[in-house]
Each structure stands twice: as C-alpha cells, then as structure tokens.
Amino acid sequence: MDVSIIGSGYVGTTVAACLADVGHRVTNVDIDESVVEAVNAGEAPVHEPGLDELVARYGGDRIRATTAYDAVCDTDVTILALPTPSKADGSIDSSILEAGTESLGGALAEKDEPHVVAVKSTVLPGVVEDRLVPRLEAATGSSGEERVHVATNPEFLREGSAVADFRSPDRIVIGTDSALARERLNALYAPVIEAAGGDVPVVETGTREAMMIKYANNAFLAAKVSLINELGVISREYGVDSYEVANALGLDARISEKFLQSGVGWGGSCLPKDTAALVAAARESGVEPVVLDAVRDRNERQPARLLSLLDEHVDVDGKRVAVLGLSFKPGTDDTRNSRAVPVIEGLNERGASVVAYDPVATSDMRERYPDVEFEATESAREALEDAHGAVVVTDWEEFETLDTEFDQMANPVVVDGRRVVTRRDGIVYQGLTW
C-alpha cells in the first residue's frame, strides 16, 4: 500500500519506518528541509532504539521524504502525525495540526479518487469533526464522504520502546463511520498484525470514542504511577519496602506489575500533556476532575521530596551536586517534562553547583541551563567526582552498575529516585519511597 505521513517527529518517523518494514511504500511530508534530507539519506531525525537501522535500510527507497504536500495524491492513506502541544491552561493547541490539515486538503483538491485521512495526532473528541473535517471539506470543495474519508487512529507508542510497541501492539484502534476508511486501515495494519503473530485485537469504534480511548489510557497510567508513588511515600514512613509491596500487588491479575515502580514521577510528552488536556476539558464542561487533580499533584510533589531527602544529609549551598539522568525515561533523548527539570531548578534555588550527566540527552538542557556543567562530564564517574551529593533521576541501565564511582565523591550521599543504585557500605543511600 502507498501511505503518506504528515510529520516526521517521534511518532511520524517511527510509524513510517515500521510500515516500510512490513512492505508498505511510505512518503513522509515535513516542512523542515533538514529533516527531509536526513530521512532521504537514511538518517533518523530523532533518537529511538531500533529506529536508526530501519531508516538506514529504507530511507530514500521505501521511505521517501518531501516538503511537497501534493505527494499525498499518489498514496491511498494519509496519516496526520503532527504535534498538539499544551497551552498555558493545559488545553491542547491544535493550530499546527489544523494548518497541516488545510495544506493536505489543498493538495487533495487535485485528486479525483477517494482518499482516506487518519488522524494519529492526539486530540480531544470534537476536534476532528469541528475543526479538521470542515477544513478538509473547504479545501477540497467536497462534503461528507464524497472524496475524503476521515478516521481517528490513536497511537500507543512509548518513547524508548516505540519500534517494539509498533511491532507488537496491545491493540489497534480505528475510529470512523466510513466503510472505506475502515477497510483501508485494516489493510494497512494487516501485515503488522501478521508479523506480530496474528493475535492483535482491532477495536473498531466511533471517531470520538477512539480519541477518548487514548486520553483515558494515559490518564489511567498516570493515575497508576501516582498511586504507587503515594503508597511508596506512606510505606517509607512505616519502614516498609514499597517495591516488595508492589511486587505482591503485581501478582493480582486485576492490577498487573506494569507501572508499579515507584519513583520520582512521570514526564515526557504524553502523560503530562494528555492529563492536563483532560483536566482542562473537564473543567470547561463543568466537571471537577478531583481524581486527576490529585494524580497530577502527587507527581509534582515527587521531585521536591527527592530534594528534601538530600537536604537531610547535606547543605548543598556552594557544593557540587551530580544529577544523573536528564531524559524523562531511559532509551530516549526527550527531556520534555523530565523530572530532572524541577530537580535542577530546586538545586539552583539552593545555591548548588550542579553537574549533570545523561548518555544521550544534553543538548536541550544545555540551552535551558547554561550554568549547569554538561560538556565536561562524559561519564557518570566524571559527574560524581568531588560531588557532595548525587541524585538519580532517570533509570538508565549504566547507572545500575555504578559502584566504586561513588568513592570519588567528596561526600557520598546518594538519593536514588529510581531504585537503580545498589545500596552498600561506604555511601549514604536514600531511596525516595523505600
């Protein structure tokens, strides 16, 4: 099948590479010429495990990138994978998606055959029908399903494991009233399902329901993490190992062990943005989001709790403090809503001399915090040298092997926000919730 994808970020590039890997021909449309050149040269524009090799294999061949929207006319399905960032009040900003939809409609005005448009961008129910469809109809000069058949097709890809998630999906959600859109999207995912072993549920539902599934999914996961973090805080006050408690909870089939690792909190582009949008939408509709407010509040408290544990052992004013981990999770260079942000800001407020290390995520943070030492630290060992305290914010695997590196510290106080460091004699170890 010939597929076009508008947007070449984490989602757009991952989807393009994985669809090409199962035999589809993919055209990526992006306004950034440097991104287009990178994809055509076989270089992934984003950091994601497994993505480099796929783009290197298919870029410029089975995956082609362009800045020209009219390339969509030679495809059967167009996937909209444009960002919908948060506004100051938490509601989504769909302006980028709307602009891309107008450009797409202008291109499709030249196509006579029916075309399917699948919205993969995360938007609340109503955005597709009230903002996107009217723009498509106005640009193409058509109405209803004369020429453009619209569907919603939310993604459930986790940064750091997006390729694996696409290849082995828990489910595929198709929201549409169009028989043609349903038919083509089922055909699009058929080889994905076959490659995954054939046992992948396909949820066929309405446009609005499909998008609410995405928001409900992320809100539930955020609530689960915040709940285990709160249980961890309570457990610690009783001298209880919250991880042992969580291991037992995970054996309950109604709960499962996933997302039960307590720590410094959740971040990234999805959970914070989607819970904020759901809270804003609830208030706009007159519903008080009591539970979701509590979920977000608990998450915001975790970095402050980490710093308070550090305060118990060292006055960091004028002292070197190592921050280990900058990305919001391991396996990605994404620092959006990373828990390292409030941690670094809290250390700066305390007058600490902050030195930070992350295996891949430094560029964005370097621009944001010019006073933080990044470039001189190419390893965790260098960051820890002569430090009076260390905080672990991201659970990169390499942090699990740290041992004698802590002996280089001036004052070996370690506050572990992810339970990756092995407690041993010779260091003052504090777990966040255990």
Protein backbone atom coordinates (compact mmCIF):
# COMPACT_ATOMS: atom_id res chain seq x y z
CA MET A 1 0.00 0.00 0.00
CA ASP A 2 1.15 3.57 -0.65
CA VAL A 3 0.99 5.62 2.55
CA SER A 4 1.78 9.27 3.27
CA ILE A 5 2.53 10.63 6.73
CA ILE A 6 2.37 14.31 7.63
CA GLY A 7 5.01 14.96 10.29
CA SER A 8 8.37 13.35 10.98
CA GLY A 9 8.74 13.52 14.74
CA TYR A 10 8.87 10.57 17.15
CA VAL A 11 5.52 9.21 16.00
CA GLY A 12 5.68 10.02 12.29
CA THR A 13 9.18 8.66 11.75
CA THR A 14 8.58 5.52 13.82
CA VAL A 15 5.32 4.74 12.04
CA ALA A 16 6.92 5.35 8.64
CA ALA A 17 9.87 3.08 9.36
CA CYS A 18 7.75 0.28 10.79
CA LEU A 19 5.22 0.41 7.95
CA ALA A 20 8.06 0.27 5.43
CA ASP A 21 9.46 -2.71 7.29
CA VAL A 22 6.27 -4.70 6.66
CA GLY A 23 6.25 -3.85 2.94
CA HIS A 24 4.37 -0.57 2.54
CA ARG A 25 5.73 2.34 0.49
CA VAL A 26 5.81 5.46 2.65
CA THR A 27 6.08 9.16 1.85
CA ASN A 28 6.89 11.48 4.74
CA VAL A 29 5.84 15.12 4.35
CA ASP A 30 7.58 17.63 6.61
CA ILE A 31 8.15 21.38 6.34
CA ASP A 32 11.67 21.07 7.78
CA GLU A 33 14.08 20.59 4.87
CA SER A 34 16.83 19.30 7.17
CA VAL A 35 14.52 16.52 8.37
CA VAL A 36 13.60 15.66 4.78
CA GLU A 37 17.25 15.50 3.78
CA ALA A 38 18.11 13.32 6.78
CA VAL A 39 15.35 10.78 6.08
CA ASN A 40 16.24 10.53 2.38
CA ALA A 41 19.88 10.00 3.39
CA GLY A 42 18.86 7.15 5.68
CA GLU A 43 19.33 9.07 8.91
CA ALA A 44 16.68 9.10 11.64
CA PRO A 45 15.83 12.67 12.74
CA VAL A 46 15.03 11.52 16.31
CA HIS A 47 16.70 9.20 18.82
CA GLU A 48 14.77 5.98 19.30
CA PRO A 49 16.16 2.47 19.83
CA GLY A 50 15.91 0.40 16.64
CA LEU A 51 14.87 3.35 14.50
CA ASP A 52 18.31 4.18 13.10
CA GLU A 53 18.69 0.81 11.42
CA LEU A 54 15.21 0.88 9.89
CA VAL A 55 15.63 4.39 8.46
CA ALA A 56 19.11 3.46 7.21
CA ARG A 57 17.62 0.42 5.47
CA TYR A 58 14.61 2.09 3.86
CA GLY A 59 15.35 5.83 3.78
CA GLY A 60 15.47 7.18 0.23
CA ASP A 61 13.93 3.95 -1.03
CA ARG A 62 10.81 2.51 0.56
CA ILE A 63 10.64 5.67 2.71
CA ARG A 64 10.87 8.95 0.84
CA ALA A 65 10.56 12.38 2.41
CA THR A 66 9.48 15.63 0.82
CA THR A 67 8.27 19.11 1.69
CA ALA A 68 5.64 18.96 -1.08
CA TYR A 69 2.13 18.14 0.09
CA ASP A 70 0.99 17.16 -3.40
CA ALA A 71 2.93 13.90 -2.94
CA VAL A 72 -0.04 12.63 -0.92
CA CYS A 73 -2.11 12.35 -4.10
CA ASP A 74 -0.11 9.28 -5.12
CA THR A 75 -0.99 7.46 -1.89
CA ASP A 76 -4.04 5.58 -0.60
CA VAL A 77 -3.97 6.73 3.02
CA THR A 78 -2.59 9.84 4.71
CA ILE A 79 -1.71 9.72 8.40
CA LEU A 80 -1.68 13.03 10.28
CA ALA A 81 1.07 12.82 12.93
CA LEU A 82 1.56 16.46 13.83
CA PRO A 83 2.13 17.80 17.36
CA THR A 84 -0.67 19.14 19.56
CA PRO A 85 1.23 20.86 22.39
CA SER A 86 -0.26 22.20 25.59
CA LYS A 87 -1.37 25.79 26.08
CA ALA A 88 -0.70 27.59 29.36
CA ASP A 89 -4.04 26.40 30.78
CA GLY A 90 -3.35 22.76 29.86
CA SER A 91 -5.73 22.65 26.88
CA ILE A 92 -4.31 21.46 23.57
CA ASP A 93 -3.06 23.75 20.83
CA SER A 94 -4.28 22.19 17.60
CA SER A 95 -3.10 25.04 15.35
CA ILE A 96 -0.18 23.07 13.84
CA LEU A 97 -2.50 20.15 13.11
CA GLU A 98 -5.13 22.47 11.63
CA ALA A 99 -2.58 24.17 9.37
CA GLY A 100 -1.30 20.80 8.20
CA THR A 101 -4.86 19.67 7.53
CA GLU A 102 -5.52 22.74 5.37
CA SER A 103 -2.35 22.07 3.36
CA LEU A 104 -3.36 18.44 2.99
CA GLY A 105 -6.84 19.45 1.80
CA GLY A 106 -5.35 21.82 -0.74
CA ALA A 107 -3.28 19.00 -2.18
CA LEU A 108 -6.19 16.54 -2.21
CA ALA A 109 -8.29 19.04 -4.17
CA GLU A 110 -6.31 17.88 -7.21
CA LYS A 111 -7.15 14.21 -6.65
CA ASP A 112 -10.32 12.70 -8.10
CA GLU A 113 -10.27 9.31 -6.35
CA PRO A 114 -11.47 8.85 -2.76
CA HIS A 115 -8.76 9.33 -0.15
CA VAL A 116 -8.53 8.21 3.48
CA VAL A 117 -7.16 10.55 6.14
CA ALA A 118 -6.30 9.00 9.51
CA VAL A 119 -5.68 11.37 12.43
CA LYS A 120 -2.99 9.88 14.68
CA SER A 121 -2.28 13.16 16.48
CA THR A 122 -3.76 13.23 19.97
CA VAL A 123 -6.84 15.45 20.09
CA LEU A 124 -9.92 15.57 22.26
CA PRO A 125 -13.28 14.39 20.94
CA GLY A 126 -14.80 17.07 18.72
CA VAL A 127 -11.57 18.47 17.28
CA VAL A 128 -11.67 16.19 14.24
CA GLU A 129 -15.33 16.83 13.45
CA ASP A 130 -15.43 20.53 14.35
CA ARG A 131 -12.01 21.76 13.18
CA LEU A 132 -10.32 19.28 10.85
CA VAL A 133 -13.17 17.94 8.71
CA PRO A 134 -14.51 21.45 7.85
CA ARG A 135 -11.02 22.47 6.73
CA LEU A 136 -10.70 19.39 4.55
CA GLU A 137 -14.11 19.95 3.03
CA ALA A 138 -13.44 23.63 2.36
CA ALA A 139 -10.07 22.95 0.78
CA THR A 140 -11.27 20.06 -1.39
CA GLY A 141 -14.62 21.61 -2.27
CA SER A 142 -16.44 18.47 -1.14
CA SER A 143 -18.71 17.50 1.71
CA GLY A 144 -19.34 14.37 3.71
CA GLU A 145 -17.55 11.36 2.24
CA GLU A 146 -17.60 12.43 -1.39
CA ARG A 147 -13.82 12.41 -1.69
CA VAL A 148 -12.19 12.38 1.75
CA HIS A 149 -12.90 9.66 4.30
CA VAL A 150 -11.73 10.56 7.82
CA ALA A 151 -10.77 8.27 10.68
CA THR A 152 -9.05 8.58 14.04
CA ASN A 153 -6.23 6.12 14.70
CA PRO A 154 -4.54 6.94 18.02
CA GLU A 155 -1.01 5.75 18.76
CA PHE A 156 0.13 3.98 21.92
CA LEU A 157 3.88 4.20 21.37
CA ARG A 158 6.20 4.71 24.31
CA GLU A 159 9.35 6.70 23.70
CA GLY A 160 12.32 4.44 24.22
CA SER A 161 10.39 1.38 23.00
CA ALA A 162 8.30 2.85 20.16
CA VAL A 163 9.58 0.48 17.47
CA ALA A 164 8.93 -2.57 19.66
CA ASP A 165 5.50 -1.22 20.62
CA PHE A 166 4.50 -0.74 16.97
CA ARG A 167 5.68 -4.22 16.03
CA SER A 168 3.87 -5.88 18.94
CA PRO A 169 0.82 -3.72 19.67
CA ASP A 170 -1.58 -4.45 22.52
CA ARG A 171 -4.39 -3.35 20.23
CA ILE A 172 -5.12 -1.21 17.19
CA VAL A 173 -7.90 1.36 17.46
CA ILE A 174 -9.77 2.54 14.37
CA GLY A 175 -12.44 5.20 14.86
CA THR A 176 -14.63 6.02 11.87
CA ASP A 177 -18.09 5.82 10.34
CA SER A 178 -16.62 5.32 6.87
CA ALA A 179 -16.55 1.81 5.47
CA LEU A 180 -13.75 2.77 3.06
CA ALA A 181 -11.58 4.20 5.84
CA ARG A 182 -12.17 1.10 7.95
CA GLU A 183 -11.30 -1.16 5.02
CA ARG A 184 -8.07 0.63 4.12
CA LEU A 185 -6.84 0.96 7.69
CA ASN A 186 -7.46 -2.73 8.31
CA ALA A 187 -5.46 -3.46 5.16
CA LEU A 188 -2.72 -1.08 6.34
CA TYR A 189 -2.30 -2.92 9.62
CA ALA A 190 -2.85 -6.45 8.32
CA PRO A 191 0.89 -7.14 7.74
CA VAL A 192 1.71 -5.60 11.14
CA ILE A 193 -0.74 -7.98 12.81
CA GLU A 194 0.60 -10.92 10.82
CA ALA A 195 4.20 -10.10 11.78
CA ALA A 196 3.13 -9.87 15.43
CA GLY A 197 1.75 -13.41 15.33
CA GLY A 198 -1.81 -12.62 14.28
CA ASP A 199 -3.31 -12.21 17.75
CA VAL A 200 -3.76 -8.43 17.95
CA PRO A 201 -7.23 -7.05 18.81
CA VAL A 202 -8.57 -4.43 16.39
CA VAL A 203 -11.00 -2.09 18.11
CA GLU A 204 -13.43 -0.58 15.60
CA THR A 205 -15.34 2.29 17.12
CA GLY A 206 -16.51 5.85 16.54
CA THR A 207 -14.27 8.84 15.85
CA ARG A 208 -14.89 10.44 19.23
CA GLU A 209 -14.60 7.18 21.16
CA ALA A 210 -11.22 6.38 19.58
CA MET A 211 -9.71 9.64 20.77
CA MET A 212 -11.17 9.32 24.25
CA ILE A 213 -9.62 5.85 24.46
CA LYS A 214 -6.20 7.48 24.05
CA TYR A 215 -6.84 10.07 26.76
CA ALA A 216 -8.41 7.55 29.13
CA ASN A 217 -5.46 5.20 28.56
CA ASN A 218 -2.85 7.81 29.53
CA ALA A 219 -4.90 9.18 32.41
CA PHE A 220 -5.22 5.68 33.84
CA LEU A 221 -1.48 5.04 33.54
CA ALA A 222 -0.66 8.39 35.14
CA ALA A 223 -3.06 7.59 37.98
CA LYS A 224 -1.45 4.20 38.49
CA VAL A 225 2.06 5.68 38.78
CA SER A 226 0.93 8.46 41.10
CA LEU A 227 -0.94 5.98 43.30
CA ILE A 228 2.07 3.68 43.69
CA ASN A 229 4.23 6.74 44.42
CA GLU A 230 1.85 7.80 47.18
CA LEU A 231 1.75 4.28 48.58
CA GLY A 232 5.55 4.34 48.46
CA VAL A 233 5.68 7.57 50.47
CA ILE A 234 3.37 6.06 53.10
CA SER A 235 5.29 2.77 53.14
CA ARG A 236 8.58 4.55 53.74
CA GLU A 237 7.20 6.25 56.83
CA TYR A 238 6.49 2.78 58.25
CA GLY A 239 9.90 1.42 57.28
CA VAL A 240 8.32 -0.77 54.61
CA ASP A 241 10.00 -1.63 51.29
CA SER A 242 7.42 -0.37 48.79
CA TYR A 243 8.97 -2.43 45.98
CA GLU A 244 8.21 -5.65 47.84
CA VAL A 245 4.67 -4.38 48.33
CA ALA A 246 4.42 -3.56 44.62
CA ASN A 247 5.75 -6.98 43.62
CA ALA A 248 2.91 -8.62 45.54
CA LEU A 249 0.35 -6.20 44.10
CA GLY A 250 1.54 -7.03 40.59
CA LEU A 251 0.59 -10.67 41.07
CA ASP A 252 -3.06 -9.63 41.22
CA ALA A 253 -4.35 -10.09 37.65
CA ARG A 254 -6.67 -7.13 38.12
CA ILE A 255 -3.68 -4.83 38.76
CA SER A 256 -0.62 -6.37 36.97
CA GLU A 257 3.00 -5.47 37.63
CA LYS A 258 3.34 -2.81 34.93
CA PHE A 259 3.74 0.82 36.03
CA LEU A 260 4.18 -0.18 39.67
CA GLN A 261 7.77 1.03 40.09
CA SER A 262 7.57 3.97 42.46
CA GLY A 263 9.98 6.83 41.99
CA VAL A 264 10.45 10.49 41.17
CA GLY A 265 7.40 10.65 38.86
CA TRP A 266 6.25 10.58 35.27
CA GLY A 267 7.13 13.01 32.49
CA GLY A 268 7.53 13.08 28.71
CA SER A 269 5.22 14.38 26.05
CA CYS A 270 2.16 12.18 26.55
CA LEU A 271 1.10 11.63 30.16
CA PRO A 272 1.57 15.26 31.31
CA LYS A 273 0.02 16.75 28.17
CA ASP A 274 -2.92 14.38 27.98
CA THR A 275 -3.84 14.54 31.66
CA ALA A 276 -3.60 18.34 31.56
CA ALA A 277 -5.84 18.45 28.47
CA LEU A 278 -8.38 16.14 30.09
CA VAL A 279 -8.43 18.27 33.24
CA ALA A 280 -8.91 21.45 31.19
CA ALA A 281 -11.66 19.83 29.11
CA ALA A 282 -13.42 18.57 32.22
CA ARG A 283 -13.46 21.99 33.83
CA GLU A 284 -14.67 23.60 30.61
CA SER A 285 -17.59 21.16 30.56
CA GLY A 286 -18.42 21.83 34.21
CA VAL A 287 -16.94 18.63 35.67
CA GLU A 288 -14.49 18.92 38.59
CA PRO A 289 -11.61 16.49 37.89
CA VAL A 290 -10.94 15.60 41.54
CA VAL A 291 -9.01 12.37 40.94
CA LEU A 292 -6.93 13.71 38.05
CA ASP A 293 -6.03 16.81 40.08
CA ALA A 294 -4.74 14.53 42.81
CA VAL A 295 -2.83 12.42 40.28
CA ARG A 296 -1.01 15.47 38.94
CA ASP A 297 -0.41 16.93 42.39
CA ARG A 298 1.29 13.75 43.63
CA ASN A 299 3.51 13.74 40.54
CA GLU A 300 4.57 17.35 41.13
CA ARG A 301 5.47 16.58 44.75
CA GLN A 302 7.96 13.80 43.97
CA PRO A 303 10.96 15.92 42.85
CA ALA A 304 10.58 18.13 45.93
CA ARG A 305 10.55 15.02 48.10
CA LEU A 306 13.77 13.80 46.48
CA LEU A 307 15.46 17.12 47.24
CA SER A 308 14.18 17.14 50.82
CA LEU A 309 15.90 13.79 51.40
CA LEU A 310 19.13 15.28 50.07
CA ASP A 311 18.67 18.25 52.40
CA GLU A 312 18.62 15.90 55.39
CA HIS A 313 22.25 14.96 54.77
CA VAL A 314 23.99 17.90 53.12
CA ASP A 315 23.69 21.67 52.80
CA VAL A 316 24.22 21.97 49.04
CA ASP A 317 24.79 25.74 49.02
CA GLY A 318 28.05 26.24 47.14
CA LYS A 319 28.56 22.47 46.86
CA ARG A 320 28.91 20.32 43.75
CA VAL A 321 25.86 18.07 43.24
CA ALA A 322 25.60 15.44 40.49
CA VAL A 323 22.32 14.89 38.66
CA LEU A 324 22.31 11.51 36.94
CA GLY A 325 19.78 11.37 34.10
CA LEU A 326 18.15 14.17 32.13
CA SER A 327 15.74 12.43 29.75
CA PHE A 328 12.27 11.73 31.10
CA LYS A 329 12.90 7.99 30.71
CA PRO A 330 15.75 5.75 29.50
CA GLY A 331 16.09 4.98 25.80
CA THR A 332 15.23 8.48 24.60
CA ASP A 333 16.81 11.93 24.35
CA ASP A 334 13.47 13.62 25.10
CA THR A 335 13.60 15.98 28.08
CA ARG A 336 10.05 17.29 27.81
CA ASN A 337 8.54 17.37 31.32
CA SER A 338 11.54 15.45 32.62
CA ARG A 339 11.68 15.22 36.40
CA ALA A 340 15.26 16.47 36.05
CA VAL A 341 13.87 19.94 35.32
CA PRO A 342 12.33 20.64 38.76
CA VAL A 343 15.26 18.84 40.40
CA ILE A 344 17.84 21.09 38.71
CA GLU A 345 15.75 24.18 39.42
CA GLY A 346 15.43 23.18 43.07
CA LEU A 347 19.19 22.67 43.34
CA ASN A 348 19.82 26.06 41.70
CA GLU A 349 17.49 27.70 44.22
CA ARG A 350 19.56 26.10 47.00
CA GLY A 351 22.75 27.58 45.55
CA ALA A 352 24.25 24.25 44.48
CA SER A 353 26.85 23.92 41.76
CA VAL A 354 25.05 21.46 39.50
CA VAL A 355 26.84 18.98 37.25
CA ALA A 356 24.68 16.69 35.13
CA TYR A 357 25.19 13.58 33.06
CA ASP A 358 22.94 11.69 30.64
CA PRO A 359 24.02 9.19 27.95
CA VAL A 360 22.14 11.00 25.15
CA ALA A 361 20.02 13.90 26.42
CA THR A 362 22.08 17.04 26.95
CA SER A 363 21.53 19.49 24.07
CA ASP A 364 18.13 20.85 25.14
CA MET A 365 19.14 21.07 28.80
CA ARG A 366 22.41 22.82 27.93
CA GLU A 367 20.46 25.62 26.28
CA ARG A 368 17.96 25.80 29.13
CA TYR A 369 20.52 25.80 31.94
CA PRO A 370 23.74 27.44 30.73
CA ASP A 371 25.19 27.48 34.26
CA VAL A 372 24.96 23.71 34.67
CA GLU A 373 28.10 21.74 33.87
CA PHE A 374 27.34 19.38 30.97
CA GLU A 375 30.11 19.31 28.42
CA ALA A 376 32.93 18.44 30.81
CA THR A 377 31.13 15.33 32.02
CA GLU A 378 31.20 12.49 29.52
CA SER A 379 30.51 9.80 32.08
CA ALA A 380 28.73 9.31 35.38
CA ARG A 381 32.12 8.88 37.04
CA GLU A 382 33.21 12.37 35.99
CA ALA A 383 29.95 13.85 37.23
CA LEU A 384 30.34 12.18 40.62
CA GLU A 385 33.95 13.21 41.16
CA ASP A 386 34.24 15.58 44.16
CA ALA A 387 30.43 15.86 44.43
CA HIS A 388 28.88 16.37 47.87
CA GLY A 389 25.68 14.69 46.80
CA ALA A 390 24.13 12.81 43.88
CA VAL A 391 20.54 12.33 42.75
CA VAL A 392 19.40 9.66 40.29
CA VAL A 393 16.54 10.92 38.13
CA THR A 394 16.49 8.56 35.12
CA ASP A 395 16.91 4.80 35.34
CA TRP A 396 19.48 4.26 32.59
CA GLU A 397 20.97 0.76 32.70
CA GLU A 398 24.51 2.08 33.07
CA PHE A 399 23.58 3.60 36.43
CA GLU A 400 22.81 0.11 37.74
CA THR A 401 26.50 -0.81 37.51
CA LEU A 402 27.79 2.21 39.42
CA ASP A 403 29.80 1.21 42.47
CA THR A 404 33.37 2.42 43.03
CA GLU A 405 32.45 5.60 41.15
CA PHE A 406 30.76 6.80 44.34
CA ASP A 407 34.10 6.58 46.13
CA GLN A 408 35.23 9.59 44.07
CA MET A 409 32.64 11.78 45.79
CA ALA A 410 33.67 14.33 48.42
CA ASN A 411 30.59 13.31 50.42
CA PRO A 412 28.99 10.06 49.19
CA VAL A 413 25.30 10.92 49.68
CA VAL A 414 23.10 9.28 47.04
CA VAL A 415 19.38 9.90 46.72
CA ASP A 416 18.04 7.35 44.27
CA GLY A 417 14.82 8.40 42.56
CA ARG A 418 14.51 5.19 40.52
CA ARG A 419 15.92 2.36 42.69
CA VAL A 420 18.73 1.52 40.30
CA VAL A 421 21.78 2.00 42.58
CA THR A 422 22.82 -0.88 44.81
CA ARG A 423 22.88 0.11 48.47
CA ARG A 424 26.26 -0.66 50.06
CA ASP A 425 28.58 0.30 52.89
CA GLY A 426 30.56 3.45 52.26
CA ILE A 427 27.72 5.55 50.87
CA VAL A 428 24.78 7.25 52.49
CA TYR A 429 21.90 5.86 50.46
CA GLN A 430 18.37 7.21 50.45
CA GLY A 431 15.53 5.76 48.40
CA LEU A 432 12.68 8.03 47.50
CA THR A 433 9.87 5.70 48.54
CA TRP A 434 11.63 2.75 50.21
